[in-house]
Amino acid sequence: MVHHKFVVVDFNSDDPVAVTGSSNLAAGGEQANGDQLIMIYDRGIATAYGVEAVRLLDHYQFRAAMKKATKANPLNLTGAGEKALWWKGYWDKKDIKFGERQLFGKPKGK
């Protein structure tokens, strides 16, 4: 479903790297198809790739939620009570959103 092929390394460091190209990051393509990879050592470009990674994750998470929705149990973008606290996961150490907050809220170089 995702055609993008890239890896972002050390997103919040002083030396982030974006790795991209035609490679599927598998031995077959590397050995038989002449796939290629390029490493980009540029903070702005690595940041753009990092933002794209988060956008893709959010997009496919939404699509998965839409597939589960039914007329009897529709997808609600906002809820009542606990569900209305959309930010709660960002403060729960057991939730992946907590890690997201830690990663993207980290000041440059720290």
PDB file of N, CA and C in Angstrom:
ATOM      1  N   MET A   1       0.803  -1.196   0.000  1.00  0.00           N
ATOM      2  CA  MET A   1       0.000   0.000   0.000  1.00  0.00           C
ATOM      3  C   MET A   1       0.853   1.271   0.000  1.00  0.00           C
ATOM      4  N   VAL A   2       2.027   1.224   0.604  1.00  0.00           N
ATOM      5  CA  VAL A   2       2.882   2.396   0.664  1.00  0.00           C
ATOM      6  C   VAL A   2       4.026   2.218  -0.325  1.00  0.00           C
ATOM      7  N   HIS A   3       4.146   3.127  -1.270  1.00  0.00           N
ATOM      8  CA  HIS A   3       5.222   3.033  -2.244  1.00  0.00           C
ATOM      9  C   HIS A   3       6.481   3.754  -1.766  1.00  0.00           C
ATOM     10  N   HIS A   4       6.321   4.645  -0.823  1.00  0.00           N
ATOM     11  CA  HIS A   4       7.468   5.380  -0.309  1.00  0.00           C
ATOM     12  C   HIS A   4       8.490   4.404   0.265  1.00  0.00           C
ATOM     13  N   LYS A   5       9.742   4.671   0.006  1.00  0.00           N
ATOM     14  CA  LYS A   5      10.810   3.838   0.542  1.00  0.00           C
ATOM     15  C   LYS A   5      11.859   4.766   1.132  1.00  0.00           C
ATOM     16  N   PHE A   6      11.849   4.915   2.429  1.00  0.00           N
ATOM     17  CA  PHE A   6      12.840   5.767   3.059  1.00  0.00           C
ATOM     18  C   PHE A   6      12.972   5.431   4.531  1.00  0.00           C
ATOM     19  N   VAL A   7      14.095   5.819   5.074  1.00  0.00           N
ATOM     20  CA  VAL A   7      14.380   5.665   6.499  1.00  0.00           C
ATOM     21  C   VAL A   7      14.966   6.995   6.959  1.00  0.00           C
ATOM     22  N   VAL A   8      14.545   7.451   8.121  1.00  0.00           N
ATOM     23  CA  VAL A   8      15.124   8.657   8.701  1.00  0.00           C
ATOM     24  C   VAL A   8      15.853   8.236   9.975  1.00  0.00           C
ATOM     25  N   VAL A   9      17.116   8.621  10.076  1.00  0.00           N
ATOM     26  CA  VAL A   9      17.949   8.235  11.210  1.00  0.00           C
ATOM     27  C   VAL A   9      18.296   9.474  12.026  1.00  0.00           C
ATOM     28  N   ASP A  10      18.187   9.355  13.339  1.00  0.00           N
ATOM     29  CA  ASP A  10      18.540  10.441  14.266  1.00  0.00           C
ATOM     30  C   ASP A  10      17.796  11.733  13.947  1.00  0.00           C
ATOM     31  N   PHE A  11      16.495  11.624  13.847  1.00  0.00           N
ATOM     32  CA  PHE A  11      15.623  12.733  13.461  1.00  0.00           C
ATOM     33  C   PHE A  11      15.890  14.006  14.258  1.00  0.00           C
ATOM     34  N   ASN A  12      16.075  13.893  15.557  1.00  0.00           N
ATOM     35  CA  ASN A  12      16.249  15.081  16.392  1.00  0.00           C
ATOM     36  C   ASN A  12      17.695  15.366  16.769  1.00  0.00           C
ATOM     37  N   SER A  13      18.637  14.737  16.105  1.00  0.00           N
ATOM     38  CA  SER A  13      20.035  14.997  16.437  1.00  0.00           C
ATOM     39  C   SER A  13      20.563  16.163  15.598  1.00  0.00           C
ATOM     40  N   ASP A  14      21.808  16.493  15.810  1.00  0.00           N
ATOM     41  CA  ASP A  14      22.442  17.533  14.999  1.00  0.00           C
ATOM     42  C   ASP A  14      22.833  17.009  13.623  1.00  0.00           C
ATOM     43  N   ASP A  15      22.842  15.668  13.461  1.00  0.00           N
ATOM     44  CA  ASP A  15      23.251  15.055  12.201  1.00  0.00           C
ATOM     45  C   ASP A  15      22.229  14.037  11.700  1.00  0.00           C
ATOM     46  N   PRO A  16      21.000  14.461  11.409  1.00  0.00           N
ATOM     47  CA  PRO A  16      20.012  13.501  10.909  1.00  0.00           C
ATOM     48  C   PRO A  16      20.351  13.074   9.479  1.00  0.00           C
ATOM     49  N   VAL A  17      19.898  11.888   9.120  1.00  0.00           N
ATOM     50  CA  VAL A  17      20.155  11.350   7.786  1.00  0.00           C
ATOM     51  C   VAL A  17      18.848  10.794   7.235  1.00  0.00           C
ATOM     52  N   ALA A  18      18.560  11.086   5.975  1.00  0.00           N
ATOM     53  CA  ALA A  18      17.448  10.464   5.259  1.00  0.00           C
ATOM     54  C   ALA A  18      18.059   9.506   4.244  1.00  0.00           C
ATOM     55  N   VAL A  19      17.556   8.276   4.219  1.00  0.00           N
ATOM     56  CA  VAL A  19      18.025   7.265   3.274  1.00  0.00           C
ATOM     57  C   VAL A  19      16.841   6.933   2.383  1.00  0.00           C
ATOM     58  N   THR A  20      16.999   7.069   1.064  1.00  0.00           N
ATOM     59  CA  THR A  20      15.896   6.844   0.144  1.00  0.00           C
ATOM     60  C   THR A  20      16.439   6.314  -1.179  1.00  0.00           C
ATOM     61  N   GLY A  21      15.560   5.904  -2.049  1.00  0.00           N
ATOM     62  CA  GLY A  21      15.952   5.409  -3.363  1.00  0.00           C
ATOM     63  C   GLY A  21      14.988   4.351  -3.858  1.00  0.00           C
ATOM     64  N   SER A  22      15.414   3.595  -4.855  1.00  0.00           N
ATOM     65  CA  SER A  22      14.539   2.586  -5.456  1.00  0.00           C
ATOM     66  C   SER A  22      14.555   1.270  -4.702  1.00  0.00           C
ATOM     67  N   SER A  23      15.463   1.121  -3.756  1.00  0.00           N
ATOM     68  CA  SER A  23      15.598  -0.131  -3.022  1.00  0.00           C
ATOM     69  C   SER A  23      14.364  -0.426  -2.180  1.00  0.00           C
ATOM     70  N   ASN A  24      13.999  -1.704  -2.123  1.00  0.00           N
ATOM     71  CA  ASN A  24      12.935  -2.158  -1.223  1.00  0.00           C
ATOM     72  C   ASN A  24      13.512  -2.575   0.121  1.00  0.00           C
ATOM     73  N   LEU A  25      14.786  -2.290   0.313  1.00  0.00           N
ATOM     74  CA  LEU A  25      15.495  -2.631   1.545  1.00  0.00           C
ATOM     75  C   LEU A  25      15.433  -4.128   1.823  1.00  0.00           C
ATOM     76  N   ALA A  26      15.585  -4.910   0.777  1.00  0.00           N
ATOM     77  CA  ALA A  26      15.590  -6.369   0.870  1.00  0.00           C
ATOM     78  C   ALA A  26      16.738  -6.902   0.023  1.00  0.00           C
ATOM     79  N   ALA A  27      17.282  -8.039   0.422  1.00  0.00           N
ATOM     80  CA  ALA A  27      18.454  -8.599  -0.253  1.00  0.00           C
ATOM     81  C   ALA A  27      18.213  -8.854  -1.739  1.00  0.00           C
ATOM     82  N   GLY A  28      17.031  -9.340  -2.122  1.00  0.00           N
ATOM     83  CA  GLY A  28      16.750  -9.659  -3.522  1.00  0.00           C
ATOM     84  C   GLY A  28      16.950  -8.486  -4.451  1.00  0.00           C
ATOM     85  N   GLY A  29      16.412  -7.365  -4.100  1.00  0.00           N
ATOM     86  CA  GLY A  29      16.547  -6.177  -4.938  1.00  0.00           C
ATOM     87  C   GLY A  29      17.967  -5.670  -4.986  1.00  0.00           C
ATOM     88  N   GLU A  30      18.635  -5.764  -3.878  1.00  0.00           N
ATOM     89  CA  GLU A  30      20.017  -5.286  -3.822  1.00  0.00           C
ATOM     90  C   GLU A  30      20.938  -6.163  -4.660  1.00  0.00           C
ATOM     91  N   GLN A  31      20.675  -7.458  -4.689  1.00  0.00           N
ATOM     92  CA  GLN A  31      21.567  -8.387  -5.381  1.00  0.00           C
ATOM     93  C   GLN A  31      21.190  -8.614  -6.838  1.00  0.00           C
ATOM     94  N   ALA A  32      19.894  -8.528  -7.166  1.00  0.00           N
ATOM     95  CA  ALA A  32      19.460  -8.924  -8.501  1.00  0.00           C
ATOM     96  C   ALA A  32      18.906  -7.790  -9.366  1.00  0.00           C
ATOM     97  N   ASN A  33      18.363  -6.750  -8.776  1.00  0.00           N
ATOM     98  CA  ASN A  33      17.658  -5.735  -9.555  1.00  0.00           C
ATOM     99  C   ASN A  33      18.427  -4.443  -9.775  1.00  0.00           C
ATOM    100  N   GLY A  34      19.565  -4.304  -9.175  1.00  0.00           N
ATOM    101  CA  GLY A  34      20.310  -3.055  -9.325  1.00  0.00           C
ATOM    102  C   GLY A  34      19.660  -1.889  -8.614  1.00  0.00           C
ATOM    103  N   ASP A  35      18.950  -2.170  -7.524  1.00  0.00           N
ATOM    104  CA  ASP A  35      18.327  -1.088  -6.763  1.00  0.00           C
ATOM    105  C   ASP A  35      19.398  -0.147  -6.217  1.00  0.00           C
ATOM    106  N   GLN A  36      18.965   1.043  -5.848  1.00  0.00           N
ATOM    107  CA  GLN A  36      19.900   2.049  -5.362  1.00  0.00           C
ATOM    108  C   GLN A  36      19.392   2.696  -4.082  1.00  0.00           C
ATOM    109  N   LEU A  37      20.308   3.226  -3.329  1.00  0.00           N
ATOM    110  CA  LEU A  37      19.991   4.008  -2.135  1.00  0.00           C
ATOM    111  C   LEU A  37      20.844   5.273  -2.165  1.00  0.00           C
ATOM    112  N   ILE A  38      20.292   6.332  -1.619  1.00  0.00           N
ATOM    113  CA  ILE A  38      21.038   7.577  -1.487  1.00  0.00           C
ATOM    114  C   ILE A  38      20.879   8.043  -0.045  1.00  0.00           C
ATOM    115  N   MET A  39      21.966   8.512   0.536  1.00  0.00           N
ATOM    116  CA  MET A  39      21.928   9.033   1.894  1.00  0.00           C
ATOM    117  C   MET A  39      22.030  10.551   1.815  1.00  0.00           C
ATOM    118  N   ILE A  40      21.086  11.226   2.464  1.00  0.00           N
ATOM    119  CA  ILE A  40      21.024  12.683   2.415  1.00  0.00           C
ATOM    120  C   ILE A  40      21.331  13.233   3.805  1.00  0.00           C
ATOM    121  N   TYR A  41      22.423  13.954   3.919  1.00  0.00           N
ATOM    122  CA  TYR A  41      22.857  14.532   5.191  1.00  0.00           C
ATOM    123  C   TYR A  41      22.466  16.003   5.230  1.00  0.00           C
ATOM    124  N   ASP A  42      21.195  16.255   5.354  1.00  0.00           N
ATOM    125  CA  ASP A  42      20.692  17.631   5.384  1.00  0.00           C
ATOM    126  C   ASP A  42      19.520  17.679   6.358  1.00  0.00           C
ATOM    127  N   ARG A  43      19.618  18.523   7.368  1.00  0.00           N
ATOM    128  CA  ARG A  43      18.603  18.578   8.423  1.00  0.00           C
ATOM    129  C   ARG A  43      17.212  18.903   7.864  1.00  0.00           C
ATOM    130  N   GLY A  44      17.118  19.851   6.956  1.00  0.00           N
ATOM    131  CA  GLY A  44      15.821  20.231   6.396  1.00  0.00           C
ATOM    132  C   GLY A  44      15.177  19.094   5.619  1.00  0.00           C
ATOM    133  N   ILE A  45      15.972  18.406   4.818  1.00  0.00           N
ATOM    134  CA  ILE A  45      15.433  17.298   4.029  1.00  0.00           C
ATOM    135  C   ILE A  45      15.067  16.133   4.942  1.00  0.00           C
ATOM    136  N   ALA A  46      15.917  15.830   5.931  1.00  0.00           N
ATOM    137  CA  ALA A  46      15.597  14.755   6.875  1.00  0.00           C
ATOM    138  C   ALA A  46      14.319  15.078   7.643  1.00  0.00           C
ATOM    139  N   THR A  47      14.137  16.345   8.002  1.00  0.00           N
ATOM    140  CA  THR A  47      12.916  16.758   8.695  1.00  0.00           C
ATOM    141  C   THR A  47      11.699  16.556   7.795  1.00  0.00           C
ATOM    142  N   ALA A  48      11.817  16.915   6.525  1.00  0.00           N
ATOM    143  CA  ALA A  48      10.706  16.727   5.582  1.00  0.00           C
ATOM    144  C   ALA A  48      10.345  15.243   5.470  1.00  0.00           C
ATOM    145  N   TYR A  49      11.337  14.383   5.392  1.00  0.00           N
ATOM    146  CA  TYR A  49      11.071  12.943   5.343  1.00  0.00           C
ATOM    147  C   TYR A  49      10.442  12.464   6.654  1.00  0.00           C
ATOM    148  N   GLY A  50      10.894  12.993   7.780  1.00  0.00           N
ATOM    149  CA  GLY A  50      10.304  12.625   9.067  1.00  0.00           C
ATOM    150  C   GLY A  50       8.841  13.019   9.163  1.00  0.00           C
ATOM    151  N   VAL A  51       8.526  14.212   8.704  1.00  0.00           N
ATOM    152  CA  VAL A  51       7.133  14.672   8.693  1.00  0.00           C
ATOM    153  C   VAL A  51       6.287  13.786   7.773  1.00  0.00           C
ATOM    154  N   GLU A  52       6.840  13.404   6.635  1.00  0.00           N
ATOM    155  CA  GLU A  52       6.125  12.525   5.710  1.00  0.00           C
ATOM    156  C   GLU A  52       5.868  11.161   6.344  1.00  0.00           C
ATOM    157  N   ALA A  53       6.818  10.659   7.121  1.00  0.00           N
ATOM    158  CA  ALA A  53       6.621   9.375   7.805  1.00  0.00           C
ATOM    159  C   ALA A  53       5.442   9.458   8.774  1.00  0.00           C
ATOM    160  N   VAL A  54       5.375  10.524   9.544  1.00  0.00           N
ATOM    161  CA  VAL A  54       4.263  10.693  10.487  1.00  0.00           C
ATOM    162  C   VAL A  54       2.947  10.856   9.728  1.00  0.00           C
ATOM    163  N   ARG A  55       2.967  11.607   8.620  1.00  0.00           N
ATOM    164  CA  ARG A  55       1.752  11.784   7.818  1.00  0.00           C
ATOM    165  C   ARG A  55       1.241  10.438   7.301  1.00  0.00           C
ATOM    166  N   LEU A  56       2.150   9.607   6.812  1.00  0.00           N
ATOM    167  CA  LEU A  56       1.748   8.287   6.310  1.00  0.00           C
ATOM    168  C   LEU A  56       1.167   7.416   7.418  1.00  0.00           C
ATOM    169  N   LEU A  57       1.810   7.421   8.578  1.00  0.00           N
ATOM    170  CA  LEU A  57       1.287   6.632   9.697  1.00  0.00           C
ATOM    171  C   LEU A  57      -0.111   7.099  10.093  1.00  0.00           C
ATOM    172  N   ASP A  58      -0.292   8.405  10.204  1.00  0.00           N
ATOM    173  CA  ASP A  58      -1.612   8.946  10.542  1.00  0.00           C
ATOM    174  C   ASP A  58      -2.645   8.588   9.477  1.00  0.00           C
ATOM    175  N   HIS A  59      -2.263   8.689   8.226  1.00  0.00           N
ATOM    176  CA  HIS A  59      -3.177   8.396   7.125  1.00  0.00           C
ATOM    177  C   HIS A  59      -3.658   6.942   7.169  1.00  0.00           C
ATOM    178  N   TYR A  60      -2.717   6.010   7.331  1.00  0.00           N
ATOM    179  CA  TYR A  60      -3.112   4.602   7.331  1.00  0.00           C
ATOM    180  C   TYR A  60      -3.802   4.193   8.618  1.00  0.00           C
ATOM    181  N   GLN A  61      -3.511   4.864   9.713  1.00  0.00           N
ATOM    182  CA  GLN A  61      -4.252   4.611  10.944  1.00  0.00           C
ATOM    183  C   GLN A  61      -5.716   5.045  10.753  1.00  0.00           C
ATOM    184  N   PHE A  62      -5.927   6.181  10.109  1.00  0.00           N
ATOM    185  CA  PHE A  62      -7.282   6.653   9.831  1.00  0.00           C
ATOM    186  C   PHE A  62      -8.013   5.694   8.892  1.00  0.00           C
ATOM    187  N   ARG A  63      -7.329   5.242   7.836  1.00  0.00           N
ATOM    188  CA  ARG A  63      -7.952   4.300   6.899  1.00  0.00           C
ATOM    189  C   ARG A  63      -8.351   3.002   7.602  1.00  0.00           C
ATOM    190  N   ALA A  64      -7.515   2.510   8.493  1.00  0.00           N
ATOM    191  CA  ALA A  64      -7.825   1.288   9.237  1.00  0.00           C
ATOM    192  C   ALA A  64      -9.048   1.511  10.125  1.00  0.00           C
ATOM    193  N   ALA A  65      -9.125   2.676  10.754  1.00  0.00           N
ATOM    194  CA  ALA A  65     -10.283   2.993  11.592  1.00  0.00           C
ATOM    195  C   ALA A  65     -11.553   3.093  10.746  1.00  0.00           C
ATOM    196  N   MET A  66     -11.443   3.657   9.548  1.00  0.00           N
ATOM    197  CA  MET A  66     -12.606   3.772   8.661  1.00  0.00           C
ATOM    198  C   MET A  66     -13.125   2.392   8.243  1.00  0.00           C
ATOM    199  N   LYS A  67     -12.215   1.438   8.019  1.00  0.00           N
ATOM    200  CA  LYS A  67     -12.635   0.087   7.630  1.00  0.00           C
ATOM    201  C   LYS A  67     -13.437  -0.595   8.726  1.00  0.00           C
ATOM    202  N   LYS A  68     -13.159  -0.268   9.976  1.00  0.00           N
ATOM    203  CA  LYS A  68     -13.868  -0.873  11.107  1.00  0.00           C
ATOM    204  C   LYS A  68     -15.214  -0.205  11.373  1.00  0.00           C
ATOM    205  N   ALA A  69     -15.407   0.993  10.835  1.00  0.00           N
ATOM    206  CA  ALA A  69     -16.632   1.747  11.100  1.00  0.00           C
ATOM    207  C   ALA A  69     -17.832   1.098  10.410  1.00  0.00           C
ATOM    208  N   THR A  70     -18.954   1.130  11.082  1.00  0.00           N
ATOM    209  CA  THR A  70     -20.215   0.628  10.535  1.00  0.00           C
ATOM    210  C   THR A  70     -21.301   1.655  10.815  1.00  0.00           C
ATOM    211  N   LYS A  71     -22.483   1.426  10.249  1.00  0.00           N
ATOM    212  CA  LYS A  71     -23.598   2.337  10.549  1.00  0.00           C
ATOM    213  C   LYS A  71     -23.950   2.278  12.025  1.00  0.00           C
ATOM    214  N   ALA A  72     -23.887   1.076  12.592  1.00  0.00           N
ATOM    215  CA  ALA A  72     -24.210   0.922  14.014  1.00  0.00           C
ATOM    216  C   ALA A  72     -23.110   1.484  14.912  1.00  0.00           C
ATOM    217  N   ASN A  73     -21.877   1.437  14.428  1.00  0.00           N
ATOM    218  CA  ASN A  73     -20.741   1.922  15.212  1.00  0.00           C
ATOM    219  C   ASN A  73     -19.868   2.809  14.313  1.00  0.00           C
ATOM    220  N   PRO A  74     -20.336   4.024  14.007  1.00  0.00           N
ATOM    221  CA  PRO A  74     -19.600   4.901  13.078  1.00  0.00           C
ATOM    222  C   PRO A  74     -18.317   5.442  13.702  1.00  0.00           C
ATOM    223  N   LEU A  75     -17.433   5.873  12.831  1.00  0.00           N
ATOM    224  CA  LEU A  75     -16.199   6.496  13.286  1.00  0.00           C
ATOM    225  C   LEU A  75     -16.525   7.889  13.795  1.00  0.00           C
ATOM    226  N   ASN A  76     -16.160   8.154  15.016  1.00  0.00           N
ATOM    227  CA  ASN A  76     -16.373   9.470  15.612  1.00  0.00           C
ATOM    228  C   ASN A  76     -15.029  10.135  15.785  1.00  0.00           C
ATOM    229  N   LEU A  77     -14.854  11.272  15.186  1.00  0.00           N
ATOM    230  CA  LEU A  77     -13.587  11.971  15.307  1.00  0.00           C
ATOM    231  C   LEU A  77     -13.440  12.653  16.651  1.00  0.00           C
ATOM    232  N   THR A  78     -14.534  12.992  17.270  1.00  0.00           N
ATOM    233  CA  THR A  78     -14.506  13.489  18.643  1.00  0.00           C
ATOM    234  C   THR A  78     -15.558  12.721  19.409  1.00  0.00           C
ATOM    235  N   GLY A  79     -15.292  12.492  20.639  1.00  0.00           N
ATOM    236  CA  GLY A  79     -16.222  11.725  21.453  1.00  0.00           C
ATOM    237  C   GLY A  79     -16.685  12.527  22.646  1.00  0.00           C
ATOM    238  N   ALA A  80     -17.287  11.834  23.550  1.00  0.00           N
ATOM    239  CA  ALA A  80     -17.755  12.452  24.786  1.00  0.00           C
ATOM    240  C   ALA A  80     -16.965  11.855  25.939  1.00  0.00           C
ATOM    241  N   GLY A  81     -16.874  12.564  27.014  1.00  0.00           N
ATOM    242  CA  GLY A  81     -16.198  12.048  28.200  1.00  0.00           C
ATOM    243  C   GLY A  81     -14.730  11.779  27.940  1.00  0.00           C
ATOM    244  N   GLU A  82     -14.280  10.562  28.271  1.00  0.00           N
ATOM    245  CA  GLU A  82     -12.876  10.182  28.099  1.00  0.00           C
ATOM    246  C   GLU A  82     -12.416  10.324  26.652  1.00  0.00           C
ATOM    247  N   LYS A  83     -13.258   9.956  25.690  1.00  0.00           N
ATOM    248  CA  LYS A  83     -12.862  10.018  24.285  1.00  0.00           C
ATOM    249  C   LYS A  83     -12.586  11.447  23.835  1.00  0.00           C
ATOM    250  N   ALA A  84     -13.205  12.421  24.469  1.00  0.00           N
ATOM    251  CA  ALA A  84     -13.002  13.815  24.085  1.00  0.00           C
ATOM    252  C   ALA A  84     -11.598  14.301  24.464  1.00  0.00           C
ATOM    253  N   LEU A  85     -10.938  13.558  25.335  1.00  0.00           N
ATOM    254  CA  LEU A  85      -9.598  13.943  25.773  1.00  0.00           C
ATOM    255  C   LEU A  85      -8.569  13.401  24.780  1.00  0.00           C
ATOM    256  N   TRP A  86      -8.575  13.933  23.569  1.00  0.00           N
ATOM    257  CA  TRP A  86      -7.724  13.450  22.485  1.00  0.00           C
ATOM    258  C   TRP A  86      -6.248  13.498  22.835  1.00  0.00           C
ATOM    259  N   TRP A  87      -5.872  14.361  23.733  1.00  0.00           N
ATOM    260  CA  TRP A  87      -4.482  14.578  24.098  1.00  0.00           C
ATOM    261  C   TRP A  87      -3.983  13.593  25.137  1.00  0.00           C
ATOM    262  N   LYS A  88      -4.889  12.844  25.746  1.00  0.00           N
ATOM    263  CA  LYS A  88      -4.531  12.004  26.893  1.00  0.00           C
ATOM    264  C   LYS A  88      -3.417  11.002  26.574  1.00  0.00           C
ATOM    265  N   GLY A  89      -3.461  10.385  25.391  1.00  0.00           N
ATOM    266  CA  GLY A  89      -2.448   9.405  25.026  1.00  0.00           C
ATOM    267  C   GLY A  89      -1.038   9.972  24.991  1.00  0.00           C
ATOM    268  N   TYR A  90      -0.925  11.257  24.725  1.00  0.00           N
ATOM    269  CA  TYR A  90       0.395  11.890  24.652  1.00  0.00           C
ATOM    270  C   TYR A  90       1.060  11.999  26.025  1.00  0.00           C
ATOM    271  N   TRP A  91       0.280  11.746  27.083  1.00  0.00           N
ATOM    272  CA  TRP A  91       0.813  11.827  28.444  1.00  0.00           C
ATOM    273  C   TRP A  91       0.811  10.466  29.137  1.00  0.00           C
ATOM    274  N   ASP A  92       0.358   9.420  28.446  1.00  0.00           N
ATOM    275  CA  ASP A  92       0.313   8.055  28.986  1.00  0.00           C
ATOM    276  C   ASP A  92       1.556   7.301  28.509  1.00  0.00           C
ATOM    277  N   LYS A  93       2.449   6.933  29.435  1.00  0.00           N
ATOM    278  CA  LYS A  93       3.717   6.299  29.066  1.00  0.00           C
ATOM    279  C   LYS A  93       3.527   4.974  28.331  1.00  0.00           C
ATOM    280  N   LYS A  94       2.349   4.381  28.404  1.00  0.00           N
ATOM    281  CA  LYS A  94       2.085   3.115  27.717  1.00  0.00           C
ATOM    282  C   LYS A  94       1.573   3.318  26.289  1.00  0.00           C
ATOM    283  N   ASP A  95       1.285   4.532  25.926  1.00  0.00           N
ATOM    284  CA  ASP A  95       0.728   4.849  24.609  1.00  0.00           C
ATOM    285  C   ASP A  95       1.849   5.295  23.661  1.00  0.00           C
ATOM    286  N   ILE A  96       1.800   4.870  22.401  1.00  0.00           N
ATOM    287  CA  ILE A  96       2.820   5.258  21.414  1.00  0.00           C
ATOM    288  C   ILE A  96       2.867   6.774  21.218  1.00  0.00           C
ATOM    289  N   LYS A  97       1.761   7.443  21.460  1.00  0.00           N
ATOM    290  CA  LYS A  97       1.737   8.900  21.313  1.00  0.00           C
ATOM    291  C   LYS A  97       2.657   9.587  22.318  1.00  0.00           C
ATOM    292  N   PHE A  98       2.869   8.952  23.476  1.00  0.00           N
ATOM    293  CA  PHE A  98       3.791   9.495  24.467  1.00  0.00           C
ATOM    294  C   PHE A  98       5.193   9.579  23.867  1.00  0.00           C
ATOM    295  N   GLY A  99       5.610   8.505  23.195  1.00  0.00           N
ATOM    296  CA  GLY A  99       6.918   8.485  22.541  1.00  0.00           C
ATOM    297  C   GLY A  99       7.014   9.522  21.446  1.00  0.00           C
ATOM    298  N   GLU A 100       5.911   9.708  20.708  1.00  0.00           N
ATOM    299  CA  GLU A 100       5.867  10.743  19.667  1.00  0.00           C
ATOM    300  C   GLU A 100       6.103  12.117  20.277  1.00  0.00           C
ATOM    301  N   ARG A 101       5.426  12.374  21.392  1.00  0.00           N
ATOM    302  CA  ARG A 101       5.570  13.673  22.058  1.00  0.00           C
ATOM    303  C   ARG A 101       7.006  13.868  22.524  1.00  0.00           C
ATOM    304  N   GLN A 102       7.598  12.807  23.054  1.00  0.00           N
ATOM    305  CA  GLN A 102       8.983  12.898  23.515  1.00  0.00           C
ATOM    306  C   GLN A 102       9.937  13.148  22.351  1.00  0.00           C
ATOM    307  N   LEU A 103       9.717  12.460  21.239  1.00  0.00           N
ATOM    308  CA  LEU A 103      10.596  12.603  20.080  1.00  0.00           C
ATOM    309  C   LEU A 103      10.477  13.976  19.435  1.00  0.00           C
ATOM    310  N   PHE A 104       9.254  14.391  19.129  1.00  0.00           N
ATOM    311  CA  PHE A 104       9.074  15.623  18.383  1.00  0.00           C
ATOM    312  C   PHE A 104       9.080  16.865  19.268  1.00  0.00           C
ATOM    313  N   GLY A 105       8.951  16.686  20.563  1.00  0.00           N
ATOM    314  CA  GLY A 105       8.995  17.809  21.476  1.00  0.00           C
ATOM    315  C   GLY A 105      10.387  18.084  21.997  1.00  0.00           C
ATOM    316  N   LYS A 106      11.339  17.252  21.594  1.00  0.00           N
ATOM    317  CA  LYS A 106      12.722  17.375  22.064  1.00  0.00           C
ATOM    318  C   LYS A 106      13.415  18.543  21.356  1.00  0.00           C
ATOM    319  N   PRO A 107      13.982  19.455  22.110  1.00  0.00           N
ATOM    320  CA  PRO A 107      14.691  20.571  21.482  1.00  0.00           C
ATOM    321  C   PRO A 107      15.884  20.091  20.666  1.00  0.00           C
ATOM    322  N   LYS A 108      16.209  20.789  19.622  1.00  0.00           N
ATOM    323  CA  LYS A 108      17.326  20.447  18.730  1.00  0.00           C
ATOM    324  C   LYS A 108      18.615  20.263  19.535  1.00  0.00           C
ATOM    325  N   GLY A 109      19.324  19.157  19.243  1.00  0.00           N
ATOM    326  CA  GLY A 109      20.621  18.922  19.840  1.00  0.00           C
ATOM    327  C   GLY A 109      20.598  18.366  21.250  1.00  0.00           C
ATOM    328  N   LYS A 110      19.431  18.024  21.759  1.00  0.00           N
ATOM    329  CA  LYS A 110      19.372  17.497  23.136  1.00  0.00           C
ATOM    330  C   LYS A 110      18.979  16.048  23.128  1.00  0.00           C
TER     331      LYS A 110
END
